[in-house]
Amino acid sequence: MKSFIMVACAILVIMILAGSKGATAVTCSPTELSPCIAAFTSSAPPSAACCGKLKQQKPCLCGYIRNPTLKQYVTSPNARKVSRSCGVPVPKC
């Protein structure tokens, strides 16, 4: 019985630690997409760093689209091409 309780406690601790990884908040800042500038402004393919940042900033994209200053950059044809290349769909906000 004592070993069962220890195993149950160990499993509970592992579940709590695994769940805490998903609770990391994203800082929404358009400057985080700076690795994508070359791809957004030319026909250059996106770098791995660009795709990584774009995936990280995915929860922020609607906020950028709603911002009149940023919308033209986030919804431009090149930005859409970069999003497709990186596997990050442009959200419908």
Protein backbone atom coordinates (compact mmCIF):
# COMPACT_ATOMS: atom_id res chain seq x y z
CA MET A 1 0.00 0.00 0.00
CA LYS A 2 2.84 2.36 0.87
CA SER A 3 4.53 1.84 -2.51
CA PHE A 4 1.20 2.47 -4.29
CA ILE A 5 0.89 5.87 -2.59
CA MET A 6 4.48 6.75 -3.52
CA VAL A 7 3.89 5.80 -7.16
CA ALA A 8 0.64 7.79 -7.23
CA CYS A 9 2.42 10.84 -5.78
CA ALA A 10 5.23 10.50 -8.34
CA ILE A 11 2.72 10.35 -11.20
CA LEU A 12 0.90 13.40 -9.82
CA VAL A 13 4.14 15.40 -9.65
CA ILE A 14 5.05 14.42 -13.22
CA MET A 15 1.60 15.47 -14.47
CA ILE A 16 1.84 18.82 -12.71
CA LEU A 17 5.31 19.50 -14.11
CA ALA A 18 4.27 18.48 -17.62
CA GLY A 19 1.19 20.72 -17.45
CA SER A 20 3.17 23.74 -16.33
CA LYS A 21 5.14 23.81 -19.61
CA GLY A 22 2.01 24.75 -21.55
CA ALA A 23 1.24 27.68 -19.30
CA THR A 24 4.05 29.87 -20.67
CA ALA A 25 2.65 33.22 -21.80
CA VAL A 26 3.57 34.73 -25.15
CA THR A 27 4.75 38.33 -25.23
CA CYS A 28 2.96 39.96 -28.14
CA SER A 29 5.43 42.30 -29.76
CA PRO A 30 5.74 42.82 -33.50
CA THR A 31 9.50 43.22 -33.05
CA GLU A 32 9.58 39.49 -32.26
CA LEU A 33 8.95 38.98 -35.99
CA SER A 34 12.14 40.82 -37.00
CA PRO A 35 13.72 37.56 -38.30
CA CYS A 36 10.95 37.61 -40.93
CA ILE A 37 11.61 41.10 -42.32
CA ALA A 38 13.58 39.86 -45.34
CA ALA A 39 10.92 37.29 -46.20
CA PHE A 40 8.07 39.77 -45.67
CA THR A 41 9.63 42.44 -47.89
CA SER A 42 11.07 40.32 -50.70
CA SER A 43 10.71 36.95 -52.32
CA ALA A 44 13.32 35.42 -49.99
CA PRO A 45 12.20 32.20 -48.34
CA PRO A 46 11.60 32.39 -44.59
CA SER A 47 14.41 31.24 -42.34
CA ALA A 48 13.98 28.66 -39.60
CA ALA A 49 14.25 31.51 -37.07
CA CYS A 50 11.45 33.36 -38.87
CA CYS A 51 9.17 30.32 -38.84
CA GLY A 52 9.92 29.69 -35.19
CA LYS A 53 9.03 33.25 -34.24
CA LEU A 54 5.93 33.22 -36.42
CA LYS A 55 4.71 30.04 -34.71
CA GLN A 56 5.49 31.57 -31.32
CA GLN A 57 3.58 34.76 -32.18
CA LYS A 58 0.56 32.92 -33.64
CA PRO A 59 -1.70 33.85 -30.67
CA CYS A 60 -0.84 37.51 -31.33
CA LEU A 61 -1.65 37.66 -35.05
CA CYS A 62 -5.26 38.81 -34.65
CA GLY A 63 -4.07 41.71 -32.51
CA TYR A 64 -1.59 42.68 -35.20
CA ILE A 65 -4.26 42.39 -37.90
CA ARG A 66 -6.61 44.64 -35.90
CA ASN A 67 -3.88 47.27 -35.52
CA PRO A 68 -4.21 49.68 -38.50
CA THR A 69 -0.46 50.36 -38.45
CA LEU A 70 0.50 46.68 -38.59
CA LYS A 71 -2.33 45.20 -40.66
CA GLN A 72 -0.76 45.99 -44.04
CA TYR A 73 2.38 44.06 -43.07
CA VAL A 74 0.69 41.03 -41.56
CA THR A 75 -1.81 40.59 -44.40
CA SER A 76 0.46 41.46 -47.34
CA PRO A 77 0.87 38.85 -50.10
CA ASN A 78 4.46 38.16 -49.01
CA ALA A 79 3.43 37.77 -45.37
CA ARG A 80 0.73 35.30 -46.42
CA LYS A 81 3.31 33.38 -48.47
CA VAL A 82 5.66 33.27 -45.47
CA SER A 83 2.82 32.07 -43.25
CA ARG A 84 1.99 29.26 -45.68
CA SER A 85 5.66 28.27 -45.97
CA CYS A 86 5.95 28.11 -42.18
CA GLY A 87 2.68 26.24 -41.73
CA VAL A 88 1.03 29.05 -39.78
CA PRO A 89 -2.34 29.94 -41.28
CA VAL A 90 -3.33 33.59 -41.26
CA PRO A 91 -6.24 33.72 -38.82
CA LYS A 92 -9.70 34.99 -39.67
CA CYS A 93 -10.26 37.57 -36.96
